[in-house]
Structures are given as C-alpha cells and as structure tokens.
Amino acid sequence: MEIHSNIILLLLIALFAIFVKMEDEEKPPNLTRMPEGVNFACSGKKPGFYADEGFDCQVYHMCSPEGQLTTYLCGPGTIFNQKKLVCDLPTNYNCADAAKDAEEANANVFKTQSSTSEP
C-alpha cells in the first residue's frame, strides 16, 4: 500500500511541475526595470524603432537619424509591436516577426513631408 501512495505522490509532483512549466511559458514578459545585458547598436541600421527579440520584444530601441541609441521598456504584460511601433499585448503581435517587420515599419518614421503651396 505504501508503494501505491508513493507512486501517486510522485505522479502528483510530476503533474504539478508540468503545470508550473506550462504556466511560465504562457506568461507575457513582465519586466519592471531595464534588464542587464542589453546589447544593441545602431550602426548599420536605418533610423527607426527596433524590437529587441533577445528580451522577447519587451525592450525596444530607437536609432535617431544621427545614429544615437535610446532604449525603452514596455510596461509589464506588453511587448513592442514592430508593425504598429507601439507597446501592445503579446496576443496582438508575434515577436518572432520583429526582424522582418522592421524595415517596412520604419520606412517613414523620420521622414518629413514637404508641403508645396501654389501662389
């Protein structure tokens, strides 16, 4: 009888471990401060905004036309939506698409419209 109790206990522990692992994988990023180890450079990049896939898109960067880097953090539960250039719910954007979406999304970020007026 003790063997059966031990087996049941082991099965319950295994199920709990699986549940905890699944729950962690489903949680959105919840950073509350800038993480250590952010490593991004604007050299070779066009001016614009770039999601940092290394931090599951919760961190994003702006490269100015002068090549200056500024790093930002989306709030808990949100990630940087590279298509819309806003912090958004993870269900609205797949972070794995960020690199391919960056060029199109940044195409007009720092362009100014020239207005022509006729006399």
PDB file of N, CA and C in Angstrom:
ATOM      1  N   MET A   1       0.815  -1.195   0.000  1.00  0.00           N
ATOM      2  CA  MET A   1       0.000   0.000   0.000  1.00  0.00           C
ATOM      3  C   MET A   1       0.864   1.267   0.000  1.00  0.00           C
ATOM      4  N   GLU A   2       1.982   1.212   0.727  1.00  0.00           N
ATOM      5  CA  GLU A   2       2.872   2.375   0.786  1.00  0.00           C
ATOM      6  C   GLU A   2       3.474   2.673  -0.583  1.00  0.00           C
ATOM      7  N   ILE A   3       3.734   1.642  -1.384  1.00  0.00           N
ATOM      8  CA  ILE A   3       4.287   1.832  -2.728  1.00  0.00           C
ATOM      9  C   ILE A   3       3.288   2.591  -3.593  1.00  0.00           C
ATOM     10  N   HIS A   4       2.012   2.230  -3.496  1.00  0.00           N
ATOM     11  CA  HIS A   4       0.977   2.919  -4.267  1.00  0.00           C
ATOM     12  C   HIS A   4       0.881   4.389  -3.862  1.00  0.00           C
ATOM     13  N   SER A   5       0.980   4.656  -2.581  1.00  0.00           N
ATOM     14  CA  SER A   5       0.938   6.044  -2.104  1.00  0.00           C
ATOM     15  C   SER A   5       2.119   6.835  -2.639  1.00  0.00           C
ATOM     16  N   ASN A   6       3.294   6.218  -2.656  1.00  0.00           N
ATOM     17  CA  ASN A   6       4.492   6.888  -3.171  1.00  0.00           C
ATOM     18  C   ASN A   6       4.370   7.162  -4.667  1.00  0.00           C
ATOM     19  N   ILE A   7       3.820   6.202  -5.392  1.00  0.00           N
ATOM     20  CA  ILE A   7       3.639   6.379  -6.836  1.00  0.00           C
ATOM     21  C   ILE A   7       2.652   7.514  -7.105  1.00  0.00           C
ATOM     22  N   ILE A   8       1.563   7.533  -6.372  1.00  0.00           N
ATOM     23  CA  ILE A   8       0.575   8.598  -6.542  1.00  0.00           C
ATOM     24  C   ILE A   8       1.195   9.950  -6.200  1.00  0.00           C
ATOM     25  N   LEU A   9       1.967  10.004  -5.133  1.00  0.00           N
ATOM     26  CA  LEU A   9       2.629  11.247  -4.746  1.00  0.00           C
ATOM     27  C   LEU A   9       3.598  11.708  -5.829  1.00  0.00           C
ATOM     28  N   LEU A  10       4.377  10.801  -6.384  1.00  0.00           N
ATOM     29  CA  LEU A  10       5.309  11.147  -7.461  1.00  0.00           C
ATOM     30  C   LEU A  10       4.571  11.649  -8.698  1.00  0.00           C
ATOM     31  N   LEU A  11       3.468  11.014  -9.037  1.00  0.00           N
ATOM     32  CA  LEU A  11       2.673  11.460 -10.181  1.00  0.00           C
ATOM     33  C   LEU A  11       2.111  12.863  -9.952  1.00  0.00           C
ATOM     34  N   LEU A  12       1.638  13.133  -8.754  1.00  0.00           N
ATOM     35  CA  LEU A  12       1.119  14.465  -8.447  1.00  0.00           C
ATOM     36  C   LEU A  12       2.217  15.520  -8.529  1.00  0.00           C
ATOM     37  N   ILE A  13       3.396  15.195  -8.035  1.00  0.00           N
ATOM     38  CA  ILE A  13       4.522  16.128  -8.114  1.00  0.00           C
ATOM     39  C   ILE A  13       4.896  16.380  -9.570  1.00  0.00           C
ATOM     40  N   ALA A  14       4.921  15.324 -10.380  1.00  0.00           N
ATOM     41  CA  ALA A  14       5.257  15.471 -11.802  1.00  0.00           C
ATOM     42  C   ALA A  14       4.215  16.331 -12.513  1.00  0.00           C
ATOM     43  N   LEU A  15       2.949  16.105 -12.239  1.00  0.00           N
ATOM     44  CA  LEU A  15       1.892  16.910 -12.855  1.00  0.00           C
ATOM     45  C   LEU A  15       2.003  18.375 -12.437  1.00  0.00           C
ATOM     46  N   PHE A  16       2.301  18.613 -11.177  1.00  0.00           N
ATOM     47  CA  PHE A  16       2.473  19.984 -10.703  1.00  0.00           C
ATOM     48  C   PHE A  16       3.639  20.657 -11.418  1.00  0.00           C
ATOM     49  N   ALA A  17       4.754  19.947 -11.575  1.00  0.00           N
ATOM     50  CA  ALA A  17       5.928  20.505 -12.261  1.00  0.00           C
ATOM     51  C   ALA A  17       5.599  20.836 -13.710  1.00  0.00           C
ATOM     52  N   ILE A  18       4.864  19.975 -14.377  1.00  0.00           N
ATOM     53  CA  ILE A  18       4.468  20.227 -15.768  1.00  0.00           C
ATOM     54  C   ILE A  18       3.557  21.452 -15.835  1.00  0.00           C
ATOM     55  N   PHE A  19       2.613  21.552 -14.909  1.00  0.00           N
ATOM     56  CA  PHE A  19       1.703  22.698 -14.885  1.00  0.00           C
ATOM     57  C   PHE A  19       2.467  24.004 -14.674  1.00  0.00           C
ATOM     58  N   VAL A  20       3.403  24.027 -13.737  1.00  0.00           N
ATOM     59  CA  VAL A  20       4.187  25.234 -13.463  1.00  0.00           C
ATOM     60  C   VAL A  20       5.000  25.615 -14.685  1.00  0.00           C
ATOM     61  N   LYS A  21       5.614  24.649 -15.358  1.00  0.00           N
ATOM     62  CA  LYS A  21       6.412  24.931 -16.555  1.00  0.00           C
ATOM     63  C   LYS A  21       5.529  25.511 -17.653  1.00  0.00           C
ATOM     64  N   MET A  22       4.357  24.928 -17.881  1.00  0.00           N
ATOM     65  CA  MET A  22       3.449  25.441 -18.904  1.00  0.00           C
ATOM     66  C   MET A  22       3.006  26.857 -18.558  1.00  0.00           C
ATOM     67  N   GLU A  23       2.720  27.102 -17.295  1.00  0.00           N
ATOM     68  CA  GLU A  23       2.265  28.424 -16.889  1.00  0.00           C
ATOM     69  C   GLU A  23       3.348  29.469 -17.138  1.00  0.00           C
ATOM     70  N   ASP A  24       4.606  29.140 -16.836  1.00  0.00           N
ATOM     71  CA  ASP A  24       5.703  30.072 -17.072  1.00  0.00           C
ATOM     72  C   ASP A  24       5.874  30.375 -18.550  1.00  0.00           C
ATOM     73  N   GLU A  25       5.690  29.389 -19.409  1.00  0.00           N
ATOM     74  CA  GLU A  25       5.855  29.594 -20.844  1.00  0.00           C
ATOM     75  C   GLU A  25       4.755  30.478 -21.418  1.00  0.00           C
ATOM     76  N   GLU A  26       3.598  30.500 -20.794  1.00  0.00           N
ATOM     77  CA  GLU A  26       2.476  31.266 -21.314  1.00  0.00           C
ATOM     78  C   GLU A  26       2.440  32.696 -20.788  1.00  0.00           C
ATOM     79  N   LYS A  27       3.231  33.003 -19.770  1.00  0.00           N
ATOM     80  CA  LYS A  27       3.201  34.348 -19.206  1.00  0.00           C
ATOM     81  C   LYS A  27       3.853  35.343 -20.154  1.00  0.00           C
ATOM     82  N   PRO A  28       3.261  36.512 -20.283  1.00  0.00           N
ATOM     83  CA  PRO A  28       3.907  37.551 -21.092  1.00  0.00           C
ATOM     84  C   PRO A  28       5.109  38.108 -20.341  1.00  0.00           C
ATOM     85  N   PRO A  29       5.984  38.802 -21.021  1.00  0.00           N
ATOM     86  CA  PRO A  29       7.116  39.419 -20.332  1.00  0.00           C
ATOM     87  C   PRO A  29       6.608  40.387 -19.261  1.00  0.00           C
ATOM     88  N   ASN A  30       7.252  40.378 -18.135  1.00  0.00           N
ATOM     89  CA  ASN A  30       6.822  41.245 -17.044  1.00  0.00           C
ATOM     90  C   ASN A  30       7.980  41.999 -16.412  1.00  0.00           C
ATOM     91  N   LEU A  31       8.871  42.517 -17.228  1.00  0.00           N
ATOM     92  CA  LEU A  31       9.974  43.309 -16.704  1.00  0.00           C
ATOM     93  C   LEU A  31       9.433  44.607 -16.119  1.00  0.00           C
ATOM     94  N   THR A  32       9.996  45.029 -15.007  1.00  0.00           N
ATOM     95  CA  THR A  32       9.579  46.292 -14.403  1.00  0.00           C
ATOM     96  C   THR A  32      10.704  47.318 -14.413  1.00  0.00           C
ATOM     97  N   ARG A  33      11.895  46.892 -14.812  1.00  0.00           N
ATOM     98  CA  ARG A  33      13.018  47.823 -14.972  1.00  0.00           C
ATOM     99  C   ARG A  33      13.907  47.310 -16.092  1.00  0.00           C
ATOM    100  N   MET A  34      14.746  48.186 -16.590  1.00  0.00           N
ATOM    101  CA  MET A  34      15.618  47.820 -17.706  1.00  0.00           C
ATOM    102  C   MET A  34      16.533  46.669 -17.280  1.00  0.00           C
ATOM    103  N   PRO A  35      16.532  45.584 -18.044  1.00  0.00           N
ATOM    104  CA  PRO A  35      17.369  44.441 -17.673  1.00  0.00           C
ATOM    105  C   PRO A  35      18.851  44.702 -17.944  1.00  0.00           C
ATOM    106  N   GLU A  36      19.680  43.930 -17.272  1.00  0.00           N
ATOM    107  CA  GLU A  36      21.127  43.988 -17.520  1.00  0.00           C
ATOM    108  C   GLU A  36      21.406  43.242 -18.822  1.00  0.00           C
ATOM    109  N   GLY A  37      22.482  43.594 -19.471  1.00  0.00           N
ATOM    110  CA  GLY A  37      22.900  42.856 -20.656  1.00  0.00           C
ATOM    111  C   GLY A  37      22.236  43.282 -21.948  1.00  0.00           C
ATOM    112  N   VAL A  38      21.608  44.448 -21.954  1.00  0.00           N
ATOM    113  CA  VAL A  38      21.029  44.944 -23.204  1.00  0.00           C
ATOM    114  C   VAL A  38      22.193  45.308 -24.118  1.00  0.00           C
ATOM    115  N   ASN A  39      22.228  44.684 -25.284  1.00  0.00           N
ATOM    116  CA  ASN A  39      23.347  44.877 -26.202  1.00  0.00           C
ATOM    117  C   ASN A  39      22.785  45.141 -27.592  1.00  0.00           C
ATOM    118  N   PHE A  40      22.692  46.394 -27.955  1.00  0.00           N
ATOM    119  CA  PHE A  40      22.124  46.777 -29.245  1.00  0.00           C
ATOM    120  C   PHE A  40      22.929  47.956 -29.768  1.00  0.00           C
ATOM    121  N   ALA A  41      23.140  48.003 -31.050  1.00  0.00           N
ATOM    122  CA  ALA A  41      23.878  49.113 -31.657  1.00  0.00           C
ATOM    123  C   ALA A  41      23.125  49.597 -32.888  1.00  0.00           C
ATOM    124  N   CYS A  42      23.176  50.884 -33.127  1.00  0.00           N
ATOM    125  CA  CYS A  42      22.503  51.477 -34.285  1.00  0.00           C
ATOM    126  C   CYS A  42      23.353  51.419 -35.549  1.00  0.00           C
ATOM    127  N   SER A  43      24.635  51.114 -35.419  1.00  0.00           N
ATOM    128  CA  SER A  43      25.493  51.092 -36.608  1.00  0.00           C
ATOM    129  C   SER A  43      24.966  50.058 -37.601  1.00  0.00           C
ATOM    130  N   GLY A  44      24.826  50.504 -38.841  1.00  0.00           N
ATOM    131  CA  GLY A  44      24.313  49.631 -39.889  1.00  0.00           C
ATOM    132  C   GLY A  44      22.798  49.565 -39.955  1.00  0.00           C
ATOM    133  N   LYS A  45      22.114  50.270 -39.067  1.00  0.00           N
ATOM    134  CA  LYS A  45      20.652  50.254 -39.067  1.00  0.00           C
ATOM    135  C   LYS A  45      20.120  51.615 -39.520  1.00  0.00           C
ATOM    136  N   LYS A  46      18.996  51.574 -40.205  1.00  0.00           N
ATOM    137  CA  LYS A  46      18.330  52.812 -40.612  1.00  0.00           C
ATOM    138  C   LYS A  46      17.682  53.441 -39.379  1.00  0.00           C
ATOM    139  N   PRO A  47      17.463  54.748 -39.399  1.00  0.00           N
ATOM    140  CA  PRO A  47      16.767  55.377 -38.275  1.00  0.00           C
ATOM    141  C   PRO A  47      15.393  54.740 -38.080  1.00  0.00           C
ATOM    142  N   GLY A  48      15.011  54.556 -36.831  1.00  0.00           N
ATOM    143  CA  GLY A  48      13.714  53.967 -36.542  1.00  0.00           C
ATOM    144  C   GLY A  48      13.695  53.250 -35.213  1.00  0.00           C
ATOM    145  N   PHE A  49      12.660  52.451 -35.021  1.00  0.00           N
ATOM    146  CA  PHE A  49      12.441  51.711 -33.783  1.00  0.00           C
ATOM    147  C   PHE A  49      12.648  50.226 -34.046  1.00  0.00           C
ATOM    148  N   TYR A  50      13.270  49.542 -33.074  1.00  0.00           N
ATOM    149  CA  TYR A  50      13.611  48.135 -33.243  1.00  0.00           C
ATOM    150  C   TYR A  50      13.283  47.351 -31.975  1.00  0.00           C
ATOM    151  N   ALA A  51      12.435  46.329 -32.118  1.00  0.00           N
ATOM    152  CA  ALA A  51      12.137  45.438 -31.004  1.00  0.00           C
ATOM    153  C   ALA A  51      13.373  44.598 -30.706  1.00  0.00           C
ATOM    154  N   ASP A  52      13.618  44.336 -29.440  1.00  0.00           N
ATOM    155  CA  ASP A  52      14.750  43.508 -29.027  1.00  0.00           C
ATOM    156  C   ASP A  52      14.241  42.098 -28.756  1.00  0.00           C
ATOM    157  N   GLU A  53      14.433  41.213 -29.732  1.00  0.00           N
ATOM    158  CA  GLU A  53      13.937  39.847 -29.601  1.00  0.00           C
ATOM    159  C   GLU A  53      14.639  39.090 -28.485  1.00  0.00           C
ATOM    160  N   GLY A  54      15.829  39.534 -28.106  1.00  0.00           N
ATOM    161  CA  GLY A  54      16.553  38.898 -27.010  1.00  0.00           C
ATOM    162  C   GLY A  54      15.842  39.048 -25.672  1.00  0.00           C
ATOM    163  N   PHE A  55      14.969  40.025 -25.579  1.00  0.00           N
ATOM    164  CA  PHE A  55      14.167  40.247 -24.372  1.00  0.00           C
ATOM    165  C   PHE A  55      12.687  40.098 -24.697  1.00  0.00           C
ATOM    166  N   ASP A  56      12.388  39.194 -25.622  1.00  0.00           N
ATOM    167  CA  ASP A  56      11.011  38.876 -26.013  1.00  0.00           C
ATOM    168  C   ASP A  56      10.205  40.114 -26.398  1.00  0.00           C
ATOM    169  N   CYS A  57      10.883  41.083 -26.993  1.00  0.00           N
ATOM    170  CA  CYS A  57      10.271  42.313 -27.502  1.00  0.00           C
ATOM    171  C   CYS A  57       9.711  43.232 -26.420  1.00  0.00           C
ATOM    172  N   GLN A  58      10.009  42.966 -25.153  1.00  0.00           N
ATOM    173  CA  GLN A  58       9.558  43.913 -24.137  1.00  0.00           C
ATOM    174  C   GLN A  58      10.492  45.120 -24.094  1.00  0.00           C
ATOM    175  N   VAL A  59      11.732  44.942 -24.552  1.00  0.00           N
ATOM    176  CA  VAL A  59      12.681  46.042 -24.689  1.00  0.00           C
ATOM    177  C   VAL A  59      12.694  46.438 -26.161  1.00  0.00           C
ATOM    178  N   TYR A  60      12.773  47.748 -26.436  1.00  0.00           N
ATOM    179  CA  TYR A  60      12.918  48.199 -27.819  1.00  0.00           C
ATOM    180  C   TYR A  60      13.845  49.402 -27.861  1.00  0.00           C
ATOM    181  N   HIS A  61      14.336  49.689 -29.043  1.00  0.00           N
ATOM    182  CA  HIS A  61      15.356  50.714 -29.210  1.00  0.00           C
ATOM    183  C   HIS A  61      14.951  51.697 -30.299  1.00  0.00           C
ATOM    184  N   MET A  62      15.406  52.941 -30.141  1.00  0.00           N
ATOM    185  CA  MET A  62      15.237  53.936 -31.188  1.00  0.00           C
ATOM    186  C   MET A  62      16.619  54.353 -31.664  1.00  0.00           C
ATOM    187  N   CYS A  63      16.817  54.287 -32.971  1.00  0.00           N
ATOM    188  CA  CYS A  63      18.031  54.801 -33.595  1.00  0.00           C
ATOM    189  C   CYS A  63      17.649  56.116 -34.266  1.00  0.00           C
ATOM    190  N   SER A  64      18.255  57.206 -33.826  1.00  0.00           N
ATOM    191  CA  SER A  64      17.940  58.521 -34.393  1.00  0.00           C
ATOM    192  C   SER A  64      18.611  58.662 -35.757  1.00  0.00           C
ATOM    193  N   PRO A  65      18.213  59.657 -36.540  1.00  0.00           N
ATOM    194  CA  PRO A  65      18.879  59.889 -37.828  1.00  0.00           C
ATOM    195  C   PRO A  65      20.380  60.142 -37.669  1.00  0.00           C
ATOM    196  N   GLU A  66      20.790  60.624 -36.490  1.00  0.00           N
ATOM    197  CA  GLU A  66      22.216  60.864 -36.231  1.00  0.00           C
ATOM    198  C   GLU A  66      22.927  59.609 -35.733  1.00  0.00           C
ATOM    199  N   GLY A  67      22.193  58.511 -35.576  1.00  0.00           N
ATOM    200  CA  GLY A  67      22.783  57.255 -35.114  1.00  0.00           C
ATOM    201  C   GLY A  67      22.818  57.092 -33.610  1.00  0.00           C
ATOM    202  N   GLN A  68      22.137  57.979 -32.885  1.00  0.00           N
ATOM    203  CA  GLN A  68      22.112  57.892 -31.425  1.00  0.00           C
ATOM    204  C   GLN A  68      21.101  56.836 -30.987  1.00  0.00           C
ATOM    205  N   LEU A  69      21.495  56.025 -30.005  1.00  0.00           N
ATOM    206  CA  LEU A  69      20.655  54.946 -29.489  1.00  0.00           C
ATOM    207  C   LEU A  69      19.942  55.381 -28.216  1.00  0.00           C
ATOM    208  N   THR A  70      18.641  55.117 -28.161  1.00  0.00           N
ATOM    209  CA  THR A  70      17.862  55.280 -26.936  1.00  0.00           C
ATOM    210  C   THR A  70      17.092  53.983 -26.741  1.00  0.00           C
ATOM    211  N   THR A  71      17.130  53.439 -25.528  1.00  0.00           N
ATOM    212  CA  THR A  71      16.480  52.163 -25.240  1.00  0.00           C
ATOM    213  C   THR A  71      15.280  52.389 -24.334  1.00  0.00           C
ATOM    214  N   TYR A  72      14.187  51.673 -24.618  1.00  0.00           N
ATOM    215  CA  TYR A  72      12.938  51.811 -23.882  1.00  0.00           C
ATOM    216  C   TYR A  72      12.467  50.447 -23.393  1.00  0.00           C
ATOM    217  N   LEU A  73      11.540  50.475 -22.448  1.00  0.00           N
ATOM    218  CA  LEU A  73      10.965  49.263 -21.885  1.00  0.00           C
ATOM    219  C   LEU A  73       9.446  49.374 -21.929  1.00  0.00           C
ATOM    220  N   CYS A  74       8.791  48.379 -22.526  1.00  0.00           N
ATOM    221  CA  CYS A  74       7.329  48.338 -22.486  1.00  0.00           C
ATOM    222  C   CYS A  74       6.897  47.926 -21.078  1.00  0.00           C
ATOM    223  N   GLY A  75       5.713  48.331 -20.693  1.00  0.00           N
ATOM    224  CA  GLY A  75       5.205  48.011 -19.364  1.00  0.00           C
ATOM    225  C   GLY A  75       4.935  46.525 -19.188  1.00  0.00           C
ATOM    226  N   PRO A  76       4.773  46.099 -17.940  1.00  0.00           N
ATOM    227  CA  PRO A  76       4.510  44.685 -17.664  1.00  0.00           C
ATOM    228  C   PRO A  76       3.312  44.176 -18.460  1.00  0.00           C
ATOM    229  N   GLY A  77       3.480  43.004 -19.020  1.00  0.00           N
ATOM    230  CA  GLY A  77       2.397  42.385 -19.775  1.00  0.00           C
ATOM    231  C   GLY A  77       2.294  42.832 -21.211  1.00  0.00           C
ATOM    232  N   THR A  78       3.202  43.718 -21.660  1.00  0.00           N
ATOM    233  CA  THR A  78       3.157  44.177 -23.047  1.00  0.00           C
ATOM    234  C   THR A  78       4.509  43.984 -23.721  1.00  0.00           C
ATOM    235  N   ILE A  79       4.471  43.954 -25.037  1.00  0.00           N
ATOM    236  CA  ILE A  79       5.683  43.842 -25.849  1.00  0.00           C
ATOM    237  C   ILE A  79       5.628  44.905 -26.947  1.00  0.00           C
ATOM    238  N   PHE A  80       6.772  45.151 -27.576  1.00  0.00           N
ATOM    239  CA  PHE A  80       6.816  46.135 -28.655  1.00  0.00           C
ATOM    240  C   PHE A  80       6.304  45.496 -29.934  1.00  0.00           C
ATOM    241  N   ASN A  81       5.252  46.072 -30.485  1.00  0.00           N
ATOM    242  CA  ASN A  81       4.665  45.615 -31.739  1.00  0.00           C
ATOM    243  C   ASN A  81       5.418  46.338 -32.859  1.00  0.00           C
ATOM    244  N   GLN A  82       6.289  45.615 -33.559  1.00  0.00           N
ATOM    245  CA  GLN A  82       7.146  46.219 -34.572  1.00  0.00           C
ATOM    246  C   GLN A  82       6.356  46.755 -35.755  1.00  0.00           C
ATOM    247  N   LYS A  83       5.201  46.185 -36.045  1.00  0.00           N
ATOM    248  CA  LYS A  83       4.388  46.682 -37.165  1.00  0.00           C
ATOM    249  C   LYS A  83       3.741  48.021 -36.839  1.00  0.00           C
ATOM    250  N   LYS A  84       3.203  48.146 -35.627  1.00  0.00           N
ATOM    251  CA  LYS A  84       2.482  49.362 -35.245  1.00  0.00           C
ATOM    252  C   LYS A  84       3.364  50.362 -34.501  1.00  0.00           C
ATOM    253  N   LEU A  85       4.573  49.933 -34.107  1.00  0.00           N
ATOM    254  CA  LEU A  85       5.526  50.773 -33.371  1.00  0.00           C
ATOM    255  C   LEU A  85       4.950  51.275 -32.049  1.00  0.00           C
ATOM    256  N   VAL A  86       4.248  50.380 -31.340  1.00  0.00           N
ATOM    257  CA  VAL A  86       3.688  50.686 -30.021  1.00  0.00           C
ATOM    258  C   VAL A  86       3.846  49.464 -29.114  1.00  0.00           C
ATOM    259  N   CYS A  87       3.768  49.700 -27.810  1.00  0.00           N
ATOM    260  CA  CYS A  87       3.707  48.575 -26.878  1.00  0.00           C
ATOM    261  C   CYS A  87       2.289  48.021 -26.940  1.00  0.00           C
ATOM    262  N   ASP A  88       2.186  46.710 -26.997  1.00  0.00           N
ATOM    263  CA  ASP A  88       0.909  46.061 -27.277  1.00  0.00           C
ATOM    264  C   ASP A  88       0.839  44.745 -26.503  1.00  0.00           C
ATOM    265  N   LEU A  89      -0.329  44.150 -26.463  1.00  0.00           N
ATOM    266  CA  LEU A  89      -0.479  42.841 -25.829  1.00  0.00           C
ATOM    267  C   LEU A  89       0.235  41.777 -26.660  1.00  0.00           C
ATOM    268  N   PRO A  90       0.849  40.795 -26.010  1.00  0.00           N
ATOM    269  CA  PRO A  90       1.550  39.740 -26.754  1.00  0.00           C
ATOM    270  C   PRO A  90       0.631  38.950 -27.689  1.00  0.00           C
ATOM    271  N   THR A  91      -0.654  38.926 -27.394  1.00  0.00           N
ATOM    272  CA  THR A  91      -1.591  38.211 -28.264  1.00  0.00           C
ATOM    273  C   THR A  91      -1.817  38.940 -29.583  1.00  0.00           C
ATOM    274  N   ASN A  92      -1.435  40.219 -29.655  1.00  0.00           N
ATOM    275  CA  ASN A  92      -1.635  41.009 -30.870  1.00  0.00           C
ATOM    276  C   ASN A  92      -0.429  41.039 -31.793  1.00  0.00           C
ATOM    277  N   TYR A  93       0.700  40.474 -31.343  1.00  0.00           N
ATOM    278  CA  TYR A  93       1.903  40.524 -32.177  1.00  0.00           C
ATOM    279  C   TYR A  93       2.820  39.355 -31.849  1.00  0.00           C
ATOM    280  N   ASN A  94       3.399  38.765 -32.886  1.00  0.00           N
ATOM    281  CA  ASN A  94       4.354  37.669 -32.729  1.00  0.00           C
ATOM    282  C   ASN A  94       5.765  38.251 -32.752  1.00  0.00           C
ATOM    283  N   CYS A  95       6.427  38.239 -31.628  1.00  0.00           N
ATOM    284  CA  CYS A  95       7.764  38.826 -31.507  1.00  0.00           C
ATOM    285  C   CYS A  95       8.741  38.227 -32.515  1.00  0.00           C
ATOM    286  N   ALA A  96       8.552  36.990 -32.890  1.00  0.00           N
ATOM    287  CA  ALA A  96       9.457  36.338 -33.845  1.00  0.00           C
ATOM    288  C   ALA A  96       9.434  37.018 -35.214  1.00  0.00           C
ATOM    289  N   ASP A  97       8.420  37.837 -35.488  1.00  0.00           N
ATOM    290  CA  ASP A  97       8.315  38.541 -36.770  1.00  0.00           C
ATOM    291  C   ASP A  97       9.003  39.907 -36.761  1.00  0.00           C
ATOM    292  N   ALA A  98       9.550  40.320 -35.643  1.00  0.00           N
ATOM    293  CA  ALA A  98      10.068  41.685 -35.494  1.00  0.00           C
ATOM    294  C   ALA A  98      11.146  42.028 -36.514  1.00  0.00           C
ATOM    295  N   ALA A  99      12.109  41.164 -36.718  1.00  0.00           N
ATOM    296  CA  ALA A  99      13.215  41.480 -37.636  1.00  0.00           C
ATOM    297  C   ALA A  99      12.700  41.700 -39.055  1.00  0.00           C
ATOM    298  N   LYS A 100      11.779  40.856 -39.497  1.00  0.00           N
ATOM    299  CA  LYS A 100      11.278  41.004 -40.872  1.00  0.00           C
ATOM    300  C   LYS A 100      10.331  42.198 -41.017  1.00  0.00           C
ATOM    301  N   ASP A 101       9.699  42.620 -39.936  1.00  0.00           N
ATOM    302  CA  ASP A 101       8.766  43.750 -39.996  1.00  0.00           C
ATOM    303  C   ASP A 101       9.449  45.107 -39.834  1.00  0.00           C
ATOM    304  N   ALA A 102      10.691  45.121 -39.366  1.00  0.00           N
ATOM    305  CA  ALA A 102      11.357  46.380 -39.003  1.00  0.00           C
ATOM    306  C   ALA A 102      11.521  47.331 -40.180  1.00  0.00           C
ATOM    307  N   GLU A 103      11.983  46.843 -41.315  1.00  0.00           N
ATOM    308  CA  GLU A 103      12.268  47.749 -42.434  1.00  0.00           C
ATOM    309  C   GLU A 103      11.014  48.472 -42.912  1.00  0.00           C
ATOM    310  N   GLU A 104       9.952  47.725 -43.129  1.00  0.00           N
ATOM    311  CA  GLU A 104       8.710  48.345 -43.606  1.00  0.00           C
ATOM    312  C   GLU A 104       8.129  49.302 -42.560  1.00  0.00           C
ATOM    313  N   ALA A 105       8.154  48.897 -41.303  1.00  0.00           N
ATOM    314  CA  ALA A 105       7.581  49.733 -40.249  1.00  0.00           C
ATOM    315  C   ALA A 105       8.353  51.039 -40.070  1.00  0.00           C
ATOM    316  N   ASN A 106       9.665  50.995 -40.283  1.00  0.00           N
ATOM    317  CA  ASN A 106      10.500  52.179 -40.075  1.00  0.00           C
ATOM    318  C   ASN A 106      10.683  53.029 -41.328  1.00  0.00           C
ATOM    319  N   ALA A 107      10.087  52.632 -42.438  1.00  0.00           N
ATOM    320  CA  ALA A 107      10.321  53.305 -43.718  1.00  0.00           C
ATOM    321  C   ALA A 107      10.049  54.807 -43.668  1.00  0.00           C
ATOM    322  N   ASN A 108       9.052  55.218 -42.929  1.00  0.00           N
ATOM    323  CA  ASN A 108       8.675  56.638 -42.920  1.00  0.00           C
ATOM    324  C   ASN A 108       8.770  57.293 -41.546  1.00  0.00           C
ATOM    325  N   VAL A 109       9.456  56.660 -40.614  1.00  0.00           N
ATOM    326  CA  VAL A 109       9.467  57.161 -39.240  1.00  0.00           C
ATOM    327  C   VAL A 109      10.032  58.565 -39.124  1.00  0.00           C
ATOM    328  N   PHE A 110      11.164  58.835 -39.746  1.00  0.00           N
ATOM    329  CA  PHE A 110      11.797  60.144 -39.592  1.00  0.00           C
ATOM    330  C   PHE A 110      11.700  61.007 -40.843  1.00  0.00           C
ATOM    331  N   LYS A 111      10.866  60.617 -41.781  1.00  0.00           N
ATOM    332  CA  LYS A 111      10.695  61.425 -42.988  1.00  0.00           C
ATOM    333  C   LYS A 111       9.773  62.588 -42.683  1.00  0.00           C
ATOM    334  N   THR A 112      10.098  63.717 -43.247  1.00  0.00           N
ATOM    335  CA  THR A 112       9.221  64.879 -43.099  1.00  0.00           C
ATOM    336  C   THR A 112       8.520  65.117 -44.422  1.00  0.00           C
ATOM    337  N   GLN A 113       7.298  65.544 -44.323  1.00  0.00           N
ATOM    338  CA  GLN A 113       6.545  65.839 -45.540  1.00  0.00           C
ATOM    339  C   GLN A 113       6.823  67.275 -45.935  1.00  0.00           C
ATOM    340  N   SER A 114       7.135  67.438 -47.183  1.00  0.00           N
ATOM    341  CA  SER A 114       7.322  68.811 -47.661  1.00  0.00           C
ATOM    342  C   SER A 114       6.004  69.275 -48.255  1.00  0.00           C
ATOM    343  N   SER A 115       5.638  70.455 -47.881  1.00  0.00           N
ATOM    344  CA  SER A 115       4.378  70.986 -48.405  1.00  0.00           C
ATOM    345  C   SER A 115       4.702  71.998 -49.492  1.00  0.00           C
ATOM    346  N   THR A 116       3.970  71.878 -50.531  1.00  0.00           N
ATOM    347  CA  THR A 116       4.134  72.844 -51.624  1.00  0.00           C
ATOM    348  C   THR A 116       2.844  73.637 -51.713  1.00  0.00           C
ATOM    349  N   SER A 117       2.995  74.899 -51.705  1.00  0.00           N
ATOM    350  CA  SER A 117       1.802  75.742 -51.842  1.00  0.00           C
ATOM    351  C   SER A 117       1.906  76.512 -53.144  1.00  0.00           C
ATOM    352  N   GLU A 118       0.798  76.579 -53.785  1.00  0.00           N
ATOM    353  CA  GLU A 118       0.761  77.299 -55.055  1.00  0.00           C
ATOM    354  C   GLU A 118       0.345  78.738 -54.802  1.00  0.00           C
ATOM    355  N   PRO A 119       0.977  79.672 -55.515  1.00  0.00           N
ATOM    356  CA  PRO A 119       0.624  81.097 -55.325  1.00  0.00           C
ATOM    357  C   PRO A 119      -0.762  81.430 -55.804  1.00  0.00           C
TER     358      PRO A 119
END
